[in-house]
């Protein structure tokens, strides 16, 4: 099924990220500290993957807006704010601007 293929793809991605993390750690001479991707970033293949369908359902200009797009964007936004709240509850104060800066840094690193 499609769900099983997505799970399999996520596991393969995580394996590749583990290999790349190990290689990067070795180049930075920190291979004792970082051996897998989860040492760098908390990641759960079941909870941290988001499929956002295309905005348009069909070909513009006559295409309808895909309602799944808005629904899934809302779910992602809700999860991001829950994450910010969890970080704040753990005593690590995090503002939206700090989160944006962290996301930009992560994006550049990846």
C-alpha atoms as a PDB file:
ATOM      1  CA  UNK A   1       0.000   0.000   0.000  1.00  0.00           C
ATOM      2  CA  UNK A   2       0.995   3.647  -0.304  1.00  0.00           C
ATOM      3  CA  UNK A   3       1.308   3.997   3.473  1.00  0.00           C
ATOM      4  CA  UNK A   4       3.725   1.048   3.647  1.00  0.00           C
ATOM      5  CA  UNK A   5       5.783   2.513   0.809  1.00  0.00           C
ATOM      6  CA  UNK A   6       5.951   5.866   2.610  1.00  0.00           C
ATOM      7  CA  UNK A   7       7.118   4.167   5.813  1.00  0.00           C
ATOM      8  CA  UNK A   8       9.719   2.194   3.884  1.00  0.00           C
ATOM      9  CA  UNK A   9      10.894   5.392   2.164  1.00  0.00           C
ATOM     10  CA  UNK A  10      11.165   7.185   5.520  1.00  0.00           C
ATOM     11  CA  UNK A  11      13.257   4.372   6.948  1.00  0.00           C
ATOM     12  CA  UNK A  12      15.541   4.457   3.910  1.00  0.00           C
ATOM     13  CA  UNK A  13      15.873   8.225   4.250  1.00  0.00           C
ATOM     14  CA  UNK A  14      16.773   7.863   7.918  1.00  0.00           C
ATOM     15  CA  UNK A  15      19.401   5.236   7.064  1.00  0.00           C
ATOM     16  CA  UNK A  16      20.927   7.617   4.501  1.00  0.00           C
ATOM     17  CA  UNK A  17      20.864  10.469   7.011  1.00  0.00           C
ATOM     18  CA  UNK A  18      22.608   8.214   9.559  1.00  0.00           C
ATOM     19  CA  UNK A  19      25.368   7.473   7.039  1.00  0.00           C
ATOM     20  CA  UNK A  20      25.754  11.162   6.135  1.00  0.00           C
ATOM     21  CA  UNK A  21      25.777  12.164   9.812  1.00  0.00           C
ATOM     22  CA  UNK A  22      28.521   9.649  10.516  1.00  0.00           C
ATOM     23  CA  UNK A  23      30.558  10.907   7.563  1.00  0.00           C
ATOM     24  CA  UNK A  24      30.124  14.560   8.554  1.00  0.00           C
ATOM     25  CA  UNK A  25      31.025  13.779  12.179  1.00  0.00           C
ATOM     26  CA  UNK A  26      34.152  11.981  11.034  1.00  0.00           C
ATOM     27  CA  UNK A  27      35.180  14.959   8.883  1.00  0.00           C
ATOM     28  CA  UNK A  28      34.616  17.276  11.854  1.00  0.00           C
ATOM     29  CA  UNK A  29      36.508  14.853  14.145  1.00  0.00           C
ATOM     30  CA  UNK A  30      33.395  14.368  16.301  1.00  0.00           C
ATOM     31  CA  UNK A  31      32.596  10.790  15.328  1.00  0.00           C
ATOM     32  CA  UNK A  32      32.524   9.729  18.973  1.00  0.00           C
ATOM     33  CA  UNK A  33      29.820  12.269  19.714  1.00  0.00           C
ATOM     34  CA  UNK A  34      27.591  11.914  16.626  1.00  0.00           C
ATOM     35  CA  UNK A  35      26.973   8.511  15.100  1.00  0.00           C
ATOM     36  CA  UNK A  36      23.408   8.777  13.800  1.00  0.00           C
ATOM     37  CA  UNK A  37      21.010  11.486  12.678  1.00  0.00           C
ATOM     38  CA  UNK A  38      18.983  11.367  15.885  1.00  0.00           C
ATOM     39  CA  UNK A  39      22.128  12.476  17.755  1.00  0.00           C
ATOM     40  CA  UNK A  40      21.814  15.775  15.894  1.00  0.00           C
ATOM     41  CA  UNK A  41      18.062  16.221  15.571  1.00  0.00           C
ATOM     42  CA  UNK A  42      15.134  14.497  17.261  1.00  0.00           C
ATOM     43  CA  UNK A  43      13.337  12.600  14.501  1.00  0.00           C
ATOM     44  CA  UNK A  44      10.490  10.102  14.538  1.00  0.00           C
ATOM     45  CA  UNK A  45       9.645   8.708  11.110  1.00  0.00           C
ATOM     46  CA  UNK A  46       6.043   8.126  12.165  1.00  0.00           C
ATOM     47  CA  UNK A  47       5.379  11.609  13.613  1.00  0.00           C
ATOM     48  CA  UNK A  48       7.760  13.939  11.811  1.00  0.00           C
ATOM     49  CA  UNK A  49       6.864  13.430   8.168  1.00  0.00           C
ATOM     50  CA  UNK A  50       4.377  15.677   6.466  1.00  0.00           C
ATOM     51  CA  UNK A  51       2.803  15.159   3.069  1.00  0.00           C
ATOM     52  CA  UNK A  52       1.381  18.413   1.765  1.00  0.00           C
ATOM     53  CA  UNK A  53      -0.568  17.839  -1.479  1.00  0.00           C
ATOM     54  CA  UNK A  54      -0.418  20.383  -4.259  1.00  0.00           C
ATOM     55  CA  UNK A  55      -2.493  23.536  -3.865  1.00  0.00           C
ATOM     56  CA  UNK A  56      -4.343  23.083  -7.131  1.00  0.00           C
ATOM     57  CA  UNK A  57      -6.543  20.124  -7.986  1.00  0.00           C
ATOM     58  CA  UNK A  58      -6.250  20.227 -11.747  1.00  0.00           C
ATOM     59  CA  UNK A  59      -4.728  22.730 -14.128  1.00  0.00           C
ATOM     60  CA  UNK A  60      -5.085  26.476 -13.416  1.00  0.00           C
ATOM     61  CA  UNK A  61      -6.857  28.801 -14.124  1.00  0.00           C
ATOM     62  CA  UNK A  62      -9.950  26.561 -13.966  1.00  0.00           C
ATOM     63  CA  UNK A  63      -8.529  24.292 -11.261  1.00  0.00           C
ATOM     64  CA  UNK A  64     -10.191  24.018  -7.900  1.00  0.00           C
ATOM     65  CA  UNK A  65      -8.210  24.526  -4.719  1.00  0.00           C
ATOM     66  CA  UNK A  66      -7.243  21.208  -3.146  1.00  0.00           C
ATOM     67  CA  UNK A  67      -8.887  21.133   0.308  1.00  0.00           C
ATOM     68  CA  UNK A  68      -6.304  18.598   1.476  1.00  0.00           C
ATOM     69  CA  UNK A  69      -3.634  21.267   1.055  1.00  0.00           C
ATOM     70  CA  UNK A  70      -5.161  23.656   3.589  1.00  0.00           C
ATOM     71  CA  UNK A  71      -5.996  20.859   5.998  1.00  0.00           C
ATOM     72  CA  UNK A  72      -2.465  19.434   6.006  1.00  0.00           C
ATOM     73  CA  UNK A  73      -0.827  22.871   6.212  1.00  0.00           C
ATOM     74  CA  UNK A  74      -3.002  23.579   9.254  1.00  0.00           C
ATOM     75  CA  UNK A  75      -1.961  20.260  10.861  1.00  0.00           C
ATOM     76  CA  UNK A  76       1.715  21.057  10.251  1.00  0.00           C
ATOM     77  CA  UNK A  77       1.336  24.586  11.649  1.00  0.00           C
ATOM     78  CA  UNK A  78      -0.432  23.207  14.718  1.00  0.00           C
ATOM     79  CA  UNK A  79       2.370  20.669  15.290  1.00  0.00           C
ATOM     80  CA  UNK A  80       5.051  23.337  14.932  1.00  0.00           C
ATOM     81  CA  UNK A  81       3.389  25.486  17.589  1.00  0.00           C
ATOM     82  CA  UNK A  82       2.978  22.437  19.855  1.00  0.00           C
ATOM     83  CA  UNK A  83       6.691  21.804  19.425  1.00  0.00           C
ATOM     84  CA  UNK A  84       7.529  25.395  20.373  1.00  0.00           C
ATOM     85  CA  UNK A  85       5.352  25.032  23.461  1.00  0.00           C
ATOM     86  CA  UNK A  86       7.059  21.730  24.427  1.00  0.00           C
ATOM     87  CA  UNK A  87      10.494  23.322  24.071  1.00  0.00           C
ATOM     88  CA  UNK A  88       9.383  26.206  26.263  1.00  0.00           C
ATOM     89  CA  UNK A  89       8.032  23.792  28.878  1.00  0.00           C
ATOM     90  CA  UNK A  90      11.415  22.054  29.028  1.00  0.00           C
ATOM     91  CA  UNK A  91      13.005  25.304  30.134  1.00  0.00           C
ATOM     92  CA  UNK A  92      14.585  26.067  26.780  1.00  0.00           C
ATOM     93  CA  UNK A  93      12.935  29.339  25.918  1.00  0.00           C
ATOM     94  CA  UNK A  94      12.205  29.513  22.227  1.00  0.00           C
ATOM     95  CA  UNK A  95      10.538  32.336  20.368  1.00  0.00           C
ATOM     96  CA  UNK A  96       9.130  32.222  16.873  1.00  0.00           C
ATOM     97  CA  UNK A  97      12.062  34.297  15.602  1.00  0.00           C
ATOM     98  CA  UNK A  98      14.533  31.848  17.240  1.00  0.00           C
ATOM     99  CA  UNK A  99      12.635  28.977  15.620  1.00  0.00           C
ATOM    100  CA  UNK A 100      12.802  30.668  12.207  1.00  0.00           C
ATOM    101  CA  UNK A 101      16.531  31.280  12.652  1.00  0.00           C
ATOM    102  CA  UNK A 102      17.046  27.639  13.679  1.00  0.00           C
ATOM    103  CA  UNK A 103      15.024  26.426  10.682  1.00  0.00           C
ATOM    104  CA  UNK A 104      17.030  28.590   8.281  1.00  0.00           C
ATOM    105  CA  UNK A 105      20.273  27.317   9.779  1.00  0.00           C
ATOM    106  CA  UNK A 106      19.100  23.725   9.484  1.00  0.00           C
ATOM    107  CA  UNK A 107      17.983  24.255   5.883  1.00  0.00           C
ATOM    108  CA  UNK A 108      21.395  25.688   4.941  1.00  0.00           C
ATOM    109  CA  UNK A 109      23.172  22.813   6.694  1.00  0.00           C
ATOM    110  CA  UNK A 110      21.124  20.163   4.932  1.00  0.00           C
END
